[in-house]
Structure formats: structure tokens, C-alpha cells
Amino acid sequence: MPFPLPLALAIYVTIWWITLLAVLPLGVRSSEEAGEELPEGADPGSPVAPQLARKAAITTVVAALIFGLVVIAANFIAG
């Protein structure tokens, strides 16, 4: 592995957060789009079912794949 462990963890966490920001908006429906009755003071743009656990799992898998590609590229460049 071309990276020391702390650097590898920092790279993975950075990739994970960037991937999460890309995955979060996928499949989101607002309360207004779903036609739900909103309580007083509720934001009509709030998501109905954000499915955060599912999105975190998808993010983890995608980030691991991207990190694997980064490691392969670093090994290839390092020769």
C-alpha cells in the first residue's frame, strides 16, 4: 500500500463525504410533491422519507470502490 494508514483513512473519509454529498439528493421527494398534509410551520420542501441509512450504505460501497481505484492508480504511478 503506497499510503501510511493515517493518510489512507483521511483520503477514504474525504472520498466518503464527497460521495455522500452526491448521493443525498437521489430519490428525494418533498412533502409538497408527495401531496402530504403539512403541520403548522413545516417546510413544504422537507423530504418525506430521506432513507439516510440506505444512502450511507450506498455511499460506503461507492467510496470503497473509488478508494480502491485511487490505491491502484497510486501503485501504478509509484511503479
C-alpha atoms as a PDB file:
ATOM      1  CA  MET A   1       0.000   0.000   0.000  1.00  0.00           C
ATOM      2  CA  PRO A   2       1.527   3.308  -1.027  1.00  0.00           C
ATOM      3  CA  PHE A   3      -0.113   5.287   1.786  1.00  0.00           C
ATOM      4  CA  PRO A   4       0.549   5.242   5.520  1.00  0.00           C
ATOM      5  CA  LEU A   5      -2.599   4.291   7.458  1.00  0.00           C
ATOM      6  CA  PRO A   6      -3.490   7.813   8.716  1.00  0.00           C
ATOM      7  CA  LEU A   7      -3.227   9.205   5.180  1.00  0.00           C
ATOM      8  CA  ALA A   8      -5.277   6.320   3.762  1.00  0.00           C
ATOM      9  CA  LEU A   9      -8.009   6.968   6.347  1.00  0.00           C
ATOM     10  CA  ALA A  10      -8.007  10.694   5.578  1.00  0.00           C
ATOM     11  CA  ILE A  11      -8.308  10.010   1.846  1.00  0.00           C
ATOM     12  CA  TYR A  12     -11.132   7.499   2.404  1.00  0.00           C
ATOM     13  CA  VAL A  13     -13.085   9.823   4.707  1.00  0.00           C
ATOM     14  CA  THR A  14     -12.723  12.672   2.193  1.00  0.00           C
ATOM     15  CA  ILE A  15     -13.950  10.440  -0.635  1.00  0.00           C
ATOM     16  CA  TRP A  16     -16.808   9.198   1.585  1.00  0.00           C
ATOM     17  CA  TRP A  17     -18.063  12.729   2.370  1.00  0.00           C
ATOM     18  CA  ILE A  18     -17.851  13.885  -1.239  1.00  0.00           C
ATOM     19  CA  THR A  19     -19.723  10.756  -2.336  1.00  0.00           C
ATOM     20  CA  LEU A  20     -22.366  11.306   0.361  1.00  0.00           C
ATOM     21  CA  LEU A  21     -22.997  14.818  -0.925  1.00  0.00           C
ATOM     22  CA  ALA A  22     -23.530  13.352  -4.399  1.00  0.00           C
ATOM     23  CA  VAL A  23     -25.832  10.544  -3.170  1.00  0.00           C
ATOM     24  CA  LEU A  24     -28.027  12.540  -0.747  1.00  0.00           C
ATOM     25  CA  PRO A  25     -30.330  14.160  -3.320  1.00  0.00           C
ATOM     26  CA  LEU A  26     -31.058  10.906  -5.175  1.00  0.00           C
ATOM     27  CA  GLY A  27     -34.676   9.764  -4.890  1.00  0.00           C
ATOM     28  CA  VAL A  28     -35.782  12.545  -2.556  1.00  0.00           C
ATOM     29  CA  ARG A  29     -39.431  13.622  -2.711  1.00  0.00           C
ATOM     30  CA  SER A  30     -40.592  16.672  -0.834  1.00  0.00           C
ATOM     31  CA  SER A  31     -43.728  16.760   1.303  1.00  0.00           C
ATOM     32  CA  GLU A  32     -45.297  19.067  -1.247  1.00  0.00           C
ATOM     33  CA  GLU A  33     -44.537  16.688  -4.156  1.00  0.00           C
ATOM     34  CA  ALA A  34     -45.957  13.763  -2.202  1.00  0.00           C
ATOM     35  CA  GLY A  35     -49.163  15.707  -1.542  1.00  0.00           C
ATOM     36  CA  GLU A  36     -48.945  15.232   2.223  1.00  0.00           C
ATOM     37  CA  GLU A  37     -50.758  17.402   4.720  1.00  0.00           C
ATOM     38  CA  LEU A  38     -48.219  19.630   6.458  1.00  0.00           C
ATOM     39  CA  PRO A  39     -48.410  20.607  10.121  1.00  0.00           C
ATOM     40  CA  GLU A  40     -48.302  24.300  11.010  1.00  0.00           C
ATOM     41  CA  GLY A  41     -44.829  25.767  10.450  1.00  0.00           C
ATOM     42  CA  ALA A  42     -43.474  22.783   8.498  1.00  0.00           C
ATOM     43  CA  ASP A  43     -41.315  23.384   5.451  1.00  0.00           C
ATOM     44  CA  PRO A  44     -43.019  22.134   2.268  1.00  0.00           C
ATOM     45  CA  GLY A  45     -39.612  21.215   0.860  1.00  0.00           C
ATOM     46  CA  SER A  46     -38.747  18.801   3.673  1.00  0.00           C
ATOM     47  CA  PRO A  47     -38.176  15.229   2.470  1.00  0.00           C
ATOM     48  CA  VAL A  48     -40.852  12.601   3.055  1.00  0.00           C
ATOM     49  CA  ALA A  49     -38.522   9.626   3.548  1.00  0.00           C
ATOM     50  CA  PRO A  50     -34.829  10.575   3.286  1.00  0.00           C
ATOM     51  CA  GLN A  51     -33.629   6.913   3.659  1.00  0.00           C
ATOM     52  CA  LEU A  52     -30.370   8.011   5.286  1.00  0.00           C
ATOM     53  CA  ALA A  53     -29.234   4.511   6.344  1.00  0.00           C
ATOM     54  CA  ARG A  54     -29.642   3.225   2.785  1.00  0.00           C
ATOM     55  CA  LYS A  55     -27.787   6.232   1.392  1.00  0.00           C
ATOM     56  CA  ALA A  56     -24.966   5.791   3.927  1.00  0.00           C
ATOM     57  CA  ALA A  57     -24.602   2.150   2.846  1.00  0.00           C
ATOM     58  CA  ILE A  58     -24.535   3.112  -0.837  1.00  0.00           C
ATOM     59  CA  THR A  59     -22.012   5.850  -0.044  1.00  0.00           C
ATOM     60  CA  THR A  60     -19.763   3.397   1.804  1.00  0.00           C
ATOM     61  CA  VAL A  61     -19.717   0.925  -1.089  1.00  0.00           C
ATOM     62  CA  VAL A  62     -19.140   3.576  -3.756  1.00  0.00           C
ATOM     63  CA  ALA A  63     -16.450   5.298  -1.681  1.00  0.00           C
ATOM     64  CA  ALA A  64     -14.674   1.964  -1.156  1.00  0.00           C
ATOM     65  CA  LEU A  65     -14.667   1.351  -4.910  1.00  0.00           C
ATOM     66  CA  ILE A  66     -13.315   4.831  -5.619  1.00  0.00           C
ATOM     67  CA  PHE A  67     -10.698   4.445  -2.890  1.00  0.00           C
ATOM     68  CA  GLY A  68      -9.662   1.120  -4.430  1.00  0.00           C
ATOM     69  CA  LEU A  69      -9.170   2.861  -7.764  1.00  0.00           C
ATOM     70  CA  VAL A  70      -7.085   5.552  -6.054  1.00  0.00           C
ATOM     71  CA  VAL A  71      -4.882   2.882  -4.445  1.00  0.00           C
ATOM     72  CA  ILE A  72      -4.465   1.068  -7.770  1.00  0.00           C
ATOM     73  CA  ALA A  73      -3.581   4.332  -9.521  1.00  0.00           C
ATOM     74  CA  ALA A  74      -1.076   5.234  -6.773  1.00  0.00           C
ATOM     75  CA  ASN A  75       0.550   1.796  -7.037  1.00  0.00           C
ATOM     76  CA  PHE A  76       0.734   2.145 -10.800  1.00  0.00           C
ATOM     77  CA  ILE A  77       2.291   5.605 -10.584  1.00  0.00           C
ATOM     78  CA  ALA A  78       4.711   4.566  -7.815  1.00  0.00           C
ATOM     79  CA  GLY A  79       5.816   1.740 -10.059  1.00  0.00           C
END
